[in-house]
Amino acid sequence: MTCNNRRRIVGGLLGAGLMSMLNGCAAAGANAKVRHGLEIEVHKSVGEAKNIRYTYGDELVAQVRPSAIAIGAFMSYIAPMHIPEEFEISWETQDGKKHEAKVPVRSRLPGSVENKTIVFVIMSDHVEGYVAASTPYGEKRERFY
């Protein structure tokens, strides 16, 4: 066996070992906490939402906000958190109609949200989900739901 062949075999074994170790870490970390932000806001077309109730994973359960208006995020939270399967929210619009939504999160995210913010925007009859990242030119949002 030549020296080059030995190098290839050892390199291949090391690469395979590294890949299996990384796969094991990824599998173990599937539900690991990720430092990211959560924001909830009311869209300007809605004006005001009332009796807002929401749950984001096991970190923010059964949260209540009596009302919120469309001037920016009414909820902003940054911490290491689990990425939940769903975000649940209910609210009332100014016309007195009650709405609720279950937004799939983990399965819909386009990639890692490490140091990014998940933004939920309350519309008149639905909720939209975005991943926001800070750039030198301001915030960039990518819709995931």
Protein backbone atom coordinates (compact mmCIF):
# COMPACT_ATOMS: atom_id res chain seq x y z
CA MET A 1 0.00 0.00 0.00
CA THR A 2 1.44 3.36 -0.97
CA CYS A 3 1.66 6.35 1.31
CA ASN A 4 -0.99 8.20 -0.72
CA ASN A 5 -3.46 5.34 -0.38
CA ARG A 6 -2.93 5.22 3.39
CA ARG A 7 -3.55 8.96 3.60
CA ARG A 8 -6.77 8.61 1.63
CA ILE A 9 -8.00 5.76 3.82
CA VAL A 10 -7.12 7.55 7.08
CA GLY A 11 -8.59 10.80 5.76
CA GLY A 12 -11.77 8.99 4.75
CA LEU A 13 -12.10 7.31 8.14
CA LEU A 14 -11.51 10.58 9.97
CA GLY A 15 -14.04 12.34 7.74
CA ALA A 16 -16.63 9.62 8.30
CA GLY A 17 -16.04 9.75 12.06
CA LEU A 18 -16.37 13.53 12.08
CA MET A 19 -19.60 13.38 10.05
CA SER A 20 -21.15 10.79 12.37
CA MET A 21 -20.16 12.89 15.38
CA LEU A 22 -21.70 16.00 13.83
CA ASN A 23 -24.86 14.08 12.92
CA GLY A 24 -25.09 12.86 16.51
CA CYS A 25 -24.77 16.44 17.78
CA ALA A 26 -27.42 17.63 15.34
CA ALA A 27 -29.81 14.88 16.42
CA ALA A 28 -29.20 15.56 20.10
CA GLY A 29 -29.58 19.30 19.56
CA ALA A 30 -32.82 19.14 17.56
CA ASN A 31 -34.73 20.56 20.51
CA ALA A 32 -31.86 22.53 22.01
CA LYS A 33 -32.38 26.13 23.05
CA VAL A 34 -31.34 28.69 20.45
CA ARG A 35 -30.67 32.33 21.29
CA HIS A 36 -33.19 34.27 19.24
CA GLY A 37 -35.79 36.95 19.56
CA LEU A 38 -39.57 36.91 19.45
CA GLU A 39 -41.66 39.91 18.45
CA ILE A 40 -45.40 40.29 18.04
CA GLU A 41 -46.92 43.31 16.36
CA VAL A 42 -50.24 44.55 15.06
CA HIS A 43 -50.39 45.49 11.37
CA LYS A 44 -51.35 49.10 10.61
CA SER A 45 -54.42 47.93 8.65
CA VAL A 46 -55.81 46.46 11.88
CA GLY A 47 -55.18 49.54 14.01
CA GLU A 48 -55.83 47.92 17.38
CA ALA A 49 -56.17 44.34 18.62
CA LYS A 50 -57.72 43.47 21.98
CA ASN A 51 -57.72 40.53 24.37
CA ILE A 52 -54.54 39.07 22.86
CA ARG A 53 -53.54 35.67 24.21
CA TYR A 54 -50.53 33.74 22.98
CA THR A 55 -48.18 30.84 23.69
CA TYR A 56 -44.68 30.45 22.28
CA GLY A 57 -43.29 27.04 23.19
CA ASP A 58 -42.67 26.30 26.85
CA GLU A 59 -41.00 29.65 27.59
CA LEU A 60 -44.00 31.94 27.08
CA VAL A 61 -47.19 30.10 28.01
CA ALA A 62 -50.69 31.61 28.22
CA GLN A 63 -49.47 35.21 27.93
CA VAL A 64 -52.14 37.94 27.93
CA ARG A 65 -52.11 41.47 26.54
CA PRO A 66 -55.31 43.53 27.01
CA SER A 67 -54.73 45.55 23.83
CA ALA A 68 -52.06 46.67 21.38
CA ILE A 69 -51.91 49.23 18.60
CA ALA A 70 -49.94 49.34 15.37
CA ILE A 71 -46.94 51.47 16.32
CA GLY A 72 -44.31 48.73 16.50
CA ALA A 73 -43.80 45.47 18.32
CA PHE A 74 -45.85 45.22 21.52
CA MET A 75 -43.87 42.20 22.64
CA SER A 76 -40.13 41.83 22.22
CA TYR A 77 -38.16 39.11 23.96
CA ILE A 78 -34.61 37.84 23.33
CA ALA A 79 -33.24 34.76 25.11
CA PRO A 80 -32.14 31.18 24.55
CA MET A 81 -35.45 29.45 23.79
CA HIS A 82 -36.69 26.25 22.20
CA ILE A 83 -38.11 26.63 18.70
CA PRO A 84 -41.73 25.51 19.18
CA GLU A 85 -43.68 23.32 16.79
CA GLU A 86 -46.47 25.95 16.81
CA PHE A 87 -47.19 29.49 17.90
CA GLU A 88 -50.75 29.90 19.19
CA ILE A 89 -52.53 33.24 19.35
CA SER A 90 -56.04 34.65 19.65
CA TRP A 91 -57.25 38.26 19.44
CA GLU A 92 -60.26 40.48 18.85
CA THR A 93 -60.43 43.16 16.17
CA GLN A 94 -62.08 46.55 16.61
CA ASP A 95 -65.31 45.23 15.09
CA GLY A 96 -65.58 42.76 17.99
CA LYS A 97 -64.75 39.65 15.92
CA LYS A 98 -62.66 36.98 17.63
CA HIS A 99 -59.81 35.34 15.74
CA GLU A 100 -57.32 32.60 16.52
CA ALA A 101 -54.38 31.06 14.71
CA LYS A 102 -51.93 28.21 15.10
CA VAL A 103 -48.80 28.99 13.14
CA PRO A 104 -46.37 26.14 12.38
CA VAL A 105 -42.90 27.36 13.32
CA ARG A 106 -40.14 24.75 13.49
CA SER A 107 -41.16 22.94 10.29
CA ARG A 108 -41.47 26.18 8.30
CA LEU A 109 -38.29 28.03 9.24
CA PRO A 110 -35.94 28.53 6.29
CA GLY A 111 -32.80 27.87 8.36
CA SER A 112 -31.22 28.71 11.67
CA VAL A 113 -32.68 31.56 13.70
CA GLU A 114 -29.61 31.89 15.90
CA ASN A 115 -29.33 35.62 16.76
CA LYS A 116 -32.31 36.44 14.54
CA THR A 117 -35.87 37.37 15.48
CA ILE A 118 -39.10 35.53 14.75
CA VAL A 119 -41.80 38.13 14.11
CA PHE A 120 -45.53 37.45 14.16
CA VAL A 121 -47.75 40.13 12.64
CA ILE A 122 -51.44 40.19 13.59
CA MET A 123 -53.53 40.94 10.52
CA SER A 124 -57.31 41.45 10.54
CA ASP A 125 -58.11 37.75 10.06
CA HIS A 126 -54.78 35.88 10.11
CA VAL A 127 -51.19 35.99 11.35
CA GLU A 128 -48.06 36.24 9.23
CA GLY A 129 -44.67 34.91 10.36
CA TYR A 130 -41.27 36.34 9.43
CA VAL A 131 -37.63 35.76 10.30
CA ALA A 132 -35.88 39.11 10.77
CA ALA A 133 -32.16 39.75 10.72
CA SER A 134 -30.26 42.96 11.27
CA THR A 135 -28.15 44.13 8.36
CA PRO A 136 -26.01 47.23 7.86
CA TYR A 137 -28.94 48.62 5.84
CA GLY A 138 -31.63 47.91 8.44
CA GLU A 139 -33.84 44.97 9.22
CA LYS A 140 -34.41 42.32 6.55
CA ARG A 141 -37.48 40.08 6.87
CA GLU A 142 -38.14 36.76 5.18
CA ARG A 143 -41.68 35.41 5.36
CA PHE A 144 -42.01 31.81 6.50
CA TYR A 145 -45.78 31.68 7.09
